Structure formats: structure tokens, C-alpha cells
Protein backbone atom coordinates (compact mmCIF):
# COMPACT_ATOMS: atom_id res chain seq x y z
CA MET A 1 -0.11 0.14 -0.05
CA GLU A 2 3.04 2.35 0.71
CA ILE A 3 3.94 1.95 -3.07
CA LEU A 4 0.53 3.29 -4.03
CA TRP A 5 0.48 6.04 -1.79
CA VAL A 6 3.87 7.34 -2.92
CA LEU A 7 2.86 6.97 -6.54
CA MET A 8 -0.23 8.60 -5.90
CA ALA A 9 1.65 11.63 -3.91
CA LEU A 10 3.39 12.11 -7.18
CA LEU A 11 0.30 12.40 -9.04
CA MET A 12 -1.18 15.26 -6.72
CA LEU A 13 1.78 16.98 -7.06
CA SER A 14 1.67 17.19 -10.81
CA PHE A 15 -1.88 18.78 -10.34
CA VAL A 16 -0.28 21.51 -8.17
CA LEU A 17 3.36 22.11 -9.24
CA LEU A 18 3.33 21.62 -13.12
CA PRO A 19 0.29 23.92 -14.62
CA TYR A 20 2.48 25.22 -17.49
CA LEU A 21 2.23 21.41 -18.77
CA ARG A 22 -1.23 22.15 -19.99
CA ARG A 23 -0.23 20.91 -23.71
CA ARG A 24 1.05 17.49 -22.18
CA ARG A 25 -2.18 17.41 -20.05
CA GLY A 26 -1.01 16.77 -16.35
CA MET A 27 2.10 14.64 -16.72
CA ILE A 28 3.14 12.53 -13.94
CA GLU A 29 6.71 12.68 -12.05
CA GLN A 30 8.81 9.98 -13.43
CA VAL A 31 9.68 7.19 -10.84
CA PRO A 32 13.28 6.32 -12.37
CA PRO A 33 14.14 2.68 -13.10
CA GLY A 34 15.64 0.84 -10.52
CA HIS A 35 13.71 2.96 -7.81
CA PRO A 36 12.09 0.47 -5.26
CA ASP A 37 8.96 2.00 -5.97
CA ALA A 38 9.09 1.21 -9.96
CA ALA A 39 6.99 -1.63 -10.96
CA ASP A 40 8.71 -4.23 -13.42
CA PRO A 41 6.88 -4.44 -16.36
CA ALA A 42 8.11 -7.79 -16.87
CA ASN A 43 6.19 -9.37 -14.27
CA TYR A 44 3.27 -8.75 -16.46
CA GLY A 45 4.86 -9.09 -19.69
CA PHE A 46 5.06 -5.50 -20.58
CA VAL A 47 7.77 -4.49 -22.75
CA ARG A 48 10.32 -2.06 -21.22
CA GLN A 49 10.19 1.37 -21.47
CA GLU A 50 13.64 1.61 -23.64
CA GLU A 51 11.82 -0.96 -26.12
CA LEU A 52 8.46 1.06 -26.19
CA ASP A 53 7.85 1.89 -29.78
CA VAL A 54 6.91 5.70 -30.03
CA ARG A 55 6.13 5.77 -34.05
CA MET A 56 2.57 4.30 -34.11
CA PRO A 57 -0.35 3.51 -31.51
CA GLY A 58 -0.57 -0.17 -32.38
CA PRO A 59 1.17 -2.65 -34.61
CA ASP A 60 1.20 -2.45 -38.23
CA GLN A 61 4.02 -4.79 -39.35
CA ASP A 62 3.53 -4.29 -43.18
CA LEU A 63 3.96 -0.37 -42.41
CA LEU A 64 7.04 -0.70 -40.39
CA ASP A 65 8.89 -2.93 -43.21
CA VAL A 66 8.24 -0.78 -45.79
CA LEU A 67 9.24 2.39 -43.82
CA ASP A 68 12.41 0.61 -43.10
CA LEU A 69 13.00 -0.32 -46.30
CA VAL A 70 12.26 3.23 -47.68
CA GLN A 71 14.45 4.96 -45.28
CA ARG A 72 17.24 2.24 -45.78
CA THR A 73 17.18 2.49 -49.58
CA GLN A 74 15.77 6.01 -50.10
CA ASP A 75 13.53 4.13 -52.88
CA TYR A 76 10.12 5.17 -52.48
CA ARG A 77 8.40 2.45 -54.51
CA ALA A 78 7.55 0.10 -51.72
CA ALA A 79 5.63 3.16 -49.92
CA ALA A 80 3.90 3.72 -53.30
CA GLN A 81 2.76 0.02 -53.63
CA LEU A 82 1.87 -0.32 -50.01
CA LEU A 83 -0.69 2.84 -50.41
CA ALA A 84 -1.95 1.74 -53.85
CA GLY A 85 -3.05 -1.65 -52.22
CA THR A 86 -4.60 -0.12 -48.88
CA GLU A 87 -8.33 0.75 -48.72
CA ALA A 88 -9.03 4.46 -49.95
CA ALA A 89 -12.00 5.28 -47.33
CA GLY A 90 -10.43 3.11 -44.54
CA GLU A 91 -8.85 4.35 -41.33
CA LEU A 92 -5.70 2.37 -42.16
CA ARG A 93 -4.87 4.53 -45.22
CA TRP A 94 -4.79 7.80 -43.19
CA GLN A 95 -2.57 6.23 -40.49
CA ARG A 96 -0.03 5.11 -43.19
CA VAL A 97 -0.22 8.48 -45.05
CA GLN A 98 0.83 10.30 -41.51
CA ALA A 99 3.38 7.92 -41.01
CA PHE A 100 5.26 8.23 -44.23
CA ALA A 101 4.57 12.28 -44.22
CA GLY A 102 5.96 12.04 -40.54
CA ALA A 103 8.94 9.60 -41.38
CA ALA A 104 10.12 12.40 -44.47
CA SER A 105 9.44 15.31 -42.06
CA LEU A 106 11.77 13.89 -39.21
CA GLU A 107 14.61 12.71 -41.68
CA LEU A 108 14.46 16.52 -43.09
CA GLN A 109 14.58 17.64 -39.50
CA GLN A 110 17.86 15.42 -39.04
CA ARG A 111 19.24 16.33 -42.36
CA PRO A 112 18.18 19.59 -43.63
CA GLY A 113 21.20 19.71 -46.31
CA ASN A 114 23.55 21.88 -44.97
CA ALA A 115 26.75 22.11 -46.81
CA GLY A 116 26.01 20.29 -49.99
CA GLU A 117 24.58 17.28 -48.01
CA THR A 118 21.57 15.60 -49.33
CA PRO A 119 18.57 16.59 -47.35
CA GLY A 120 16.41 13.95 -45.50
CA GLY A 121 13.25 12.75 -47.14
CA GLN A 122 14.59 12.98 -50.66
CA TRP A 123 12.74 9.85 -51.61
CA LEU A 124 9.36 12.04 -51.21
CA ARG A 125 10.35 14.54 -53.48
CA VAL A 126 11.64 11.40 -56.21
CA TRP A 127 8.41 10.19 -55.57
CA ARG A 128 6.50 13.29 -56.59
CA ALA A 129 8.90 14.23 -59.44
CA GLU A 130 8.82 10.46 -60.87
CA GLN A 131 4.89 9.81 -60.12
CA PRO A 132 3.34 12.94 -60.37
CA LYS A 133 -0.03 11.21 -60.88
CA ASP A 134 0.13 8.91 -58.21
CA ALA A 135 -2.52 9.75 -55.75
CA GLY A 136 -0.80 8.22 -52.71
CA GLY A 137 2.58 10.26 -53.20
CA ALA A 138 0.34 13.40 -53.73
CA ALA A 139 -1.50 12.93 -50.25
CA VAL A 140 2.03 11.95 -48.46
CA HIS A 141 3.30 15.31 -49.75
CA ALA A 142 0.33 17.37 -48.84
CA GLU A 143 0.47 15.83 -45.21
CA PHE A 144 4.22 16.33 -45.40
CA LEU A 145 3.70 20.31 -45.68
CA VAL A 146 0.92 20.27 -42.92
CA GLN A 147 3.63 18.85 -40.39
CA GLN A 148 6.49 21.01 -41.34
CA ALA A 149 4.55 23.80 -41.11
CA TRP A 150 3.51 22.71 -37.40
CA ARG A 151 6.65 21.74 -36.71
CA THR A 152 9.10 24.34 -38.07
CA ALA A 153 7.17 27.73 -38.03
CA THR A 154 4.94 29.11 -35.69
CA PRO A 155 0.99 29.71 -36.24
CA GLY A 156 -0.19 33.19 -37.18
CA THR A 157 3.35 33.89 -38.83
CA ASP A 158 3.88 34.64 -42.38
CA GLU A 159 6.03 31.88 -42.73
CA PHE A 160 3.47 29.38 -41.11
CA ARG A 161 0.93 30.83 -43.45
CA ILE A 162 2.99 30.51 -46.73
CA ILE A 163 3.80 26.63 -45.77
CA MET A 164 -0.07 26.20 -45.27
CA GLU A 165 -1.24 27.84 -48.11
CA GLU A 166 1.17 25.27 -49.96
CA ALA A 167 -0.16 22.34 -48.22
CA ARG A 168 -3.88 23.85 -49.04
CA ALA A 169 -3.03 23.74 -52.87
CA ALA A 170 -1.22 20.22 -52.52
CA CYS A 171 -4.36 19.01 -50.86
CA GLY A 172 -6.27 20.05 -53.76
CA ASP A 173 -3.97 18.62 -56.45
CA ALA A 174 -4.26 15.12 -54.33
CA ALA A 175 -8.23 15.37 -54.37
CA LEU A 176 -8.15 15.72 -57.82
CA LEU A 177 -6.22 12.47 -58.62
CA ALA A 178 -8.33 10.30 -56.35
CA PRO A 179 -12.02 11.97 -56.33
CA GLY A 180 -13.50 9.30 -53.80
CA ASP A 181 -10.81 9.21 -51.57
CA PRO A 182 -11.31 11.66 -48.17
CA VAL A 183 -7.67 11.35 -47.13
CA PRO A 184 -6.99 14.71 -49.21
CA TYR A 185 -9.82 16.36 -47.28
CA ILE A 186 -8.75 15.09 -44.11
CA VAL A 187 -5.56 16.52 -44.21
CA GLU A 188 -7.12 19.94 -45.37
CA LEU A 189 -8.88 19.66 -41.73
CA SER A 190 -5.40 20.64 -40.22
CA VAL A 191 -4.87 23.41 -42.78
CA ALA A 192 -8.53 24.90 -41.65
CA ARG A 193 -7.53 24.73 -38.31
CA GLY A 194 -4.10 26.63 -39.07
CA LEU A 195 -5.38 28.83 -41.68
CA ALA A 196 -8.79 29.57 -39.43
CA TYR A 197 -11.21 28.86 -42.07
CA PRO A 198 -14.33 30.60 -41.65
CA ARG A 199 -17.38 28.08 -40.19
CA GLY A 200 -19.00 27.97 -43.40
CA GLU A 201 -15.85 26.98 -45.38
CA PHE A 202 -14.59 24.53 -42.77
CA GLU A 203 -18.38 23.16 -42.69
CA GLN A 204 -18.07 22.86 -46.58
CA LEU A 205 -14.97 20.87 -46.20
CA TRP A 206 -16.41 18.66 -43.42
CA LEU A 207 -19.53 17.68 -45.73
CA LYS A 208 -16.96 16.36 -48.67
CA ILE A 209 -15.51 13.96 -45.85
CA LEU A 210 -19.17 12.95 -44.66
CA ASP A 211 -19.72 12.26 -48.25
CA ARG A 212 -16.69 9.84 -48.92
CA ALA A 213 -16.28 8.38 -45.16
CA PRO A 214 -18.99 9.40 -42.67
CA ASN A 215 -17.67 7.04 -40.17
CA HIS A 216 -14.15 8.06 -40.56
CA MET A 217 -12.77 8.06 -36.79
CA GLY A 218 -9.68 9.56 -37.75
CA ALA A 219 -11.49 12.50 -39.75
CA HIS A 220 -13.49 13.24 -36.81
CA LEU A 221 -10.63 13.50 -34.29
CA ALA A 222 -8.91 16.05 -36.38
CA ALA A 223 -12.26 18.07 -37.00
CA LEU A 224 -12.64 18.41 -33.05
CA HIS A 225 -9.65 20.27 -33.02
CA TYR A 226 -11.11 23.04 -35.24
CA TRP A 227 -14.07 22.84 -32.56
CA CYS A 228 -12.09 22.96 -29.36
CA GLU A 229 -11.98 26.23 -27.46
CA LYS A 230 -8.24 26.43 -27.89
CA TRP A 231 -8.92 26.97 -31.64
CA HIS A 232 -12.07 28.26 -33.49
CA GLY A 233 -14.74 26.54 -31.31
CA SER A 234 -15.52 26.43 -27.60
CA ARG A 235 -15.80 23.56 -25.12
CA GLU A 236 -19.89 23.50 -25.77
CA LEU A 237 -19.30 23.19 -29.77
CA ALA A 238 -16.47 20.53 -29.25
CA THR A 239 -18.92 18.70 -26.76
CA SER A 240 -21.88 18.97 -29.38
CA PHE A 241 -19.82 17.79 -32.31
CA ALA A 242 -18.69 14.80 -30.60
CA GLU A 243 -21.85 13.76 -28.92
CA ALA A 244 -23.39 14.15 -32.09
CA ALA A 245 -20.90 11.90 -33.95
CA ALA A 246 -21.33 9.50 -30.67
CA ALA A 247 -25.04 9.38 -31.47
CA ARG A 248 -25.01 8.50 -34.92
CA ALA A 249 -22.23 5.68 -34.64
CA PRO A 250 -23.27 2.53 -36.07
CA GLN A 251 -22.90 -0.63 -34.00
CA GLY A 252 -19.30 -1.52 -33.64
CA SER A 253 -18.24 2.19 -34.52
CA LEU A 254 -15.64 3.69 -32.09
CA LEU A 255 -17.14 7.19 -32.93
CA ALA A 256 -19.00 6.27 -29.44
CA ALA A 257 -15.64 7.24 -27.77
CA MET A 258 -15.88 10.86 -29.24
CA PRO A 259 -17.13 12.64 -26.15
CA LEU A 260 -13.96 11.10 -24.06
CA PHE A 261 -11.67 13.04 -26.68
CA SER A 262 -13.51 16.17 -26.06
CA VAL A 263 -13.05 15.87 -22.44
CA PHE A 264 -9.40 15.45 -22.65
CA GLU A 265 -9.08 18.40 -25.11
CA HIS A 266 -10.64 20.50 -22.46
CA LEU A 267 -9.01 19.50 -19.31
CA PRO A 268 -8.61 22.26 -16.88
CA GLU A 269 -4.80 23.35 -16.23
CA VAL A 270 -4.99 22.71 -12.62
CA ASN A 271 -7.31 20.15 -11.41
CA LEU A 272 -7.65 20.60 -7.33
CA VAL A 273 -11.06 18.52 -7.26
CA SER A 274 -10.21 14.80 -6.10
CA GLY A 275 -12.96 13.44 -7.73
CA PHE A 276 -12.94 14.99 -11.10
CA TYR A 277 -11.91 12.07 -12.76
CA GLN A 278 -14.86 10.35 -11.12
CA SER A 279 -17.15 13.11 -12.16
CA GLU A 280 -20.32 12.53 -14.17
CA VAL A 281 -19.29 14.08 -17.21
CA VAL A 282 -16.11 11.88 -17.35
CA THR A 283 -17.58 8.61 -15.95
CA LYS A 284 -20.30 8.94 -19.02
CA ALA A 285 -17.59 9.58 -21.54
CA ILE A 286 -15.16 7.03 -20.31
CA HIS A 287 -18.27 4.36 -20.39
CA GLY A 288 -18.83 5.48 -23.76
CA ALA A 289 -15.51 4.72 -24.84
CA LEU A 290 -15.23 1.28 -22.85
CA HIS A 291 -18.53 0.28 -25.04
CA ALA A 292 -17.10 1.15 -28.07
CA VAL A 293 -13.63 -0.63 -27.20
CA HIS A 294 -16.05 -3.62 -26.43
CA SER A 295 -17.99 -3.47 -29.76
CA ALA A 296 -15.36 -2.83 -32.25
CA ARG A 297 -13.92 -5.24 -34.43
CA ALA A 298 -10.23 -6.59 -33.21
CA ASP A 299 -8.55 -5.28 -35.96
CA ASP A 300 -9.95 -1.80 -36.11
CA PRO A 301 -6.89 0.68 -36.64
CA MET A 302 -8.21 3.36 -34.36
CA LEU A 303 -8.98 0.64 -31.52
CA ALA A 304 -5.39 1.37 -29.87
CA HIS A 305 -5.79 5.13 -29.89
CA VAL A 306 -9.06 5.03 -27.64
CA ARG A 307 -7.40 2.43 -25.48
CA HIS A 308 -4.72 4.70 -24.81
CA LEU A 309 -6.73 7.62 -23.90
CA LEU A 310 -8.57 4.98 -21.84
CA VAL A 311 -5.48 4.30 -19.69
CA PHE A 312 -4.94 7.84 -18.90
CA PHE A 313 -8.58 8.34 -17.65
CA LEU A 314 -8.70 4.81 -16.03
CA VAL A 315 -5.44 5.46 -13.94
CA ARG A 316 -6.65 9.13 -13.09
CA GLY A 317 -10.05 7.64 -11.84
CA GLU A 318 -8.20 5.06 -10.00
CA ARG A 319 -9.99 2.23 -11.93
CA TRP A 320 -6.78 0.17 -11.74
CA ALA A 321 -8.14 -3.20 -13.15
CA GLU A 322 -9.87 -1.64 -16.23
CA ALA A 323 -6.66 0.32 -16.73
CA MET A 324 -4.88 -2.96 -16.52
CA ASP A 325 -7.00 -4.40 -19.15
CA GLN A 326 -6.35 -1.74 -21.68
CA LEU A 327 -2.56 -1.95 -20.84
CA ILE A 328 -2.10 -5.72 -22.00
CA HIS A 329 -3.81 -4.68 -25.36
CA VAL A 330 -1.76 -1.65 -26.20
CA ASP A 331 1.51 -2.22 -24.43
CA GLY A 332 4.67 -2.07 -26.85
CA HIS A 333 3.41 1.17 -28.84
CA VAL A 334 2.98 4.50 -27.75
CA GLY A 335 2.59 6.83 -30.70
CA ALA A 336 -1.12 8.08 -29.71
CA LEU A 337 -2.40 10.70 -27.74
CA PRO A 338 -1.95 11.72 -24.53
CA TRP A 339 1.54 10.24 -24.52
CA THR A 340 2.61 12.10 -27.87
CA LEU A 341 2.10 15.52 -26.28
CA SER A 342 5.39 14.70 -24.05
CA PRO A 343 9.03 15.19 -25.32
CA ASP A 344 9.13 11.53 -24.02
CA PRO A 345 6.22 9.25 -24.82
CA ALA A 346 7.48 6.38 -23.84
CA ALA A 347 8.61 7.79 -20.26
CA GLU A 348 5.16 9.52 -19.80
CA PHE A 349 3.42 5.96 -20.73
CA ALA A 350 5.68 3.90 -18.21
CA VAL A 351 4.65 6.26 -15.42
CA TYR A 352 1.26 5.69 -15.89
CA ARG A 353 1.78 2.00 -16.41
CA ALA A 354 3.61 1.90 -13.33
CA LEU A 355 0.73 3.65 -11.29
CA ALA A 356 -1.76 1.16 -13.04
CA VAL A 357 0.25 -1.90 -11.64
CA ALA A 358 0.86 -0.44 -8.19
CA GLY A 359 -3.09 0.50 -7.46
CA TYR A 360 -4.16 -3.05 -9.25
CA GLU A 361 -1.87 -4.88 -6.50
CA ALA A 362 -2.73 -2.57 -3.79
CA ASN A 363 -6.52 -4.03 -4.33
CA GLY A 364 -5.10 -7.74 -4.37
CA GLY A 365 -4.11 -7.72 -7.72
CA SER A 366 -1.23 -9.67 -9.40
CA PRO A 367 0.17 -11.35 -12.55
CA ALA A 368 -1.51 -14.65 -12.02
CA THR A 369 -5.24 -12.40 -11.83
CA LEU A 370 -4.76 -10.54 -14.94
CA PRO A 371 -6.53 -12.03 -17.88
CA HIS A 372 -4.50 -12.03 -21.32
């Protein structure tokens, strides 16, 4: 029990002493490896912190294999082939477009091409030059520009606006190459947020997505940002958008988890109310997300995203056994909210995992009682 109280004390300190970490949504102080209060993940079959994969929310071995090949050889053709064989309206295509764009953006950040050196991400430039009519390459290029704007420029500056305008044009080019593909329009949702589209223009963009993929979870999450208080909406508008999506969600859809993402986006800077995470609003959103997880297909590409956010809320709400149940499904990959808001996603995830293990054991749980 002492271990649990030490860890919970760290949790409460984070509420009071770290208000500047709003964007990181209440990061908890780390328990360093080797500390007597540090839970050993190996006891539960969990992956050690240094081995956690920060690139994706869950496994996609085909994508990992292709990413490795493309980055090792700087030949884009495997990426083009993978996207060509990925369903246009599905969640997986959107995730893979993001992954390829992110890989190229990070390569460029690490190797900007100074002193005559070939810049990183050259394979994407070659892809666009050699196959200008390839819809997959066009979508990856548009998403690359969006990520570059957020990564290298400050919103509101001329530099940011110029890159985003280029991204907007790239979205239009990608949409022309694949009229039924929602991905170029989903990419443009981030452009709309960055360039502050008027609501009427944003809603027209949103209708184009609904026409092509009305139950696309990734698109709904991207649109939610626009309606949030910190961007161009309010808590009420974001809540209304999320609840409407959940209300029309078909059986088996993860859209029922949307209200939990809206709650997350509007967490207070400092929460001094101990029961906040057991409040009616949060509890209702958690139950909706749990229902969505239990009803969804096991291979739904967005399932890991919901499970990761559930870990955050279930740990905060001291629902240890339920948190452990989510952890056994997502452990090993941490490329999802809320961990990606931290400079060290693996460390952030590992702290919450340690809290879940400590709480689980303090209430009589053990590796032997954890179902797999």
C-alpha cells in the first residue's frame, strides 16, 4: 500500500506544481528505473520502457517493414505500392499517409541538407517528381507540408501561413487525383485549423468528408480540434460535435468514444478537485469509450487510439483493473494521445503503467489474476 501512496502523491503534486504543462495534459513525475517503487513491467509481460515503440499507436508490421526499407534505401516504390493496396476510405490509409509524411519530415529535420549534403526525405521529393499522378504520393506530400508547418513555424506568422497555403494547394492536387478518397480532405482539416477557415468554409470541407467516409474516426478526431476552445470553437461546440458523432455511430463504431476525446481536449490546467475523474461527465465519457472498445472489431486501426486514452482516464480515476485490461492490449506501442504530447512519450506512458500496476496490486491483483 505504501508504494501506491507514494505514486499517488506524485500524481497529486503534478496537479499543483506543473500547471505550465497543459499541453501535456497533467504529466506525472517519473519513477526512475531501479527505484524501489518502480513496478517491473516484466512481471506482467509488459515491454520495458526503452523498448516501447513511439512511432505508432499499435502494430502495423507491413508499414514498419516498408518504412524501414524506404529509409534504408531511399527508394519510395515500396511506399507507393503499399498505399496503392490500402483501402481508400479506411482508417489504415490515413494512418499510413501520416506515418510516411512524418518519417520524411523527421528525416528533413535531422538532415536539413547543409553544406551540400543531400537533405533528408529525398525519397518523397523523388516520388512526386517521378510519379506526379500517383494519388498516394500526392496525399503524403500534402500531409508532409502540414507537418512541416506545425513542426518548423509558429501559427500566425507569415512563414506558417506560406507553408499552409502550399499545403492547401497540395490537398487540392491530391483530391483531383483520387476523387473518392477522403484523405486529402482530412489532411486539409489541419490546414483549416491552421489558417482559421471561417465556419461556413470548414463545414463545406467537412461535408466532403462525410460524403466519402461518414464514419471515419480519424477524420472526426481531426475535425474536433477545429471546434475546441483553444482553436476556433468552444467547449460547448466541441462537446456538441463529439456527442452528435457518438449518437449517430453505427454498431461497432469507435465514434462512441468521441466524447472522451472532447473531455481530454478541455481538461483544466490545474485540477484541485480529487473527484474530477470520477465526475458524472468524465464517467459517462469513459463508459461510452469502453462500450465502443468492447463493440469494435479487433482489427480496427483506431482501436489502439481509444485504448491509450482510456489508460490515461482510468488511471486518473483509480480504476486500476480496467486500466490494466487496456494496457495488456496496447503495451509496446505509445504513438498516440496522450503520450505524444510529452517530449518523451515512452517515459510518460511508463509512469501511468507503473501507477496502474501499483493500484492493481494494492487491491489484490497480481500477474496471476490478470487475464490475457
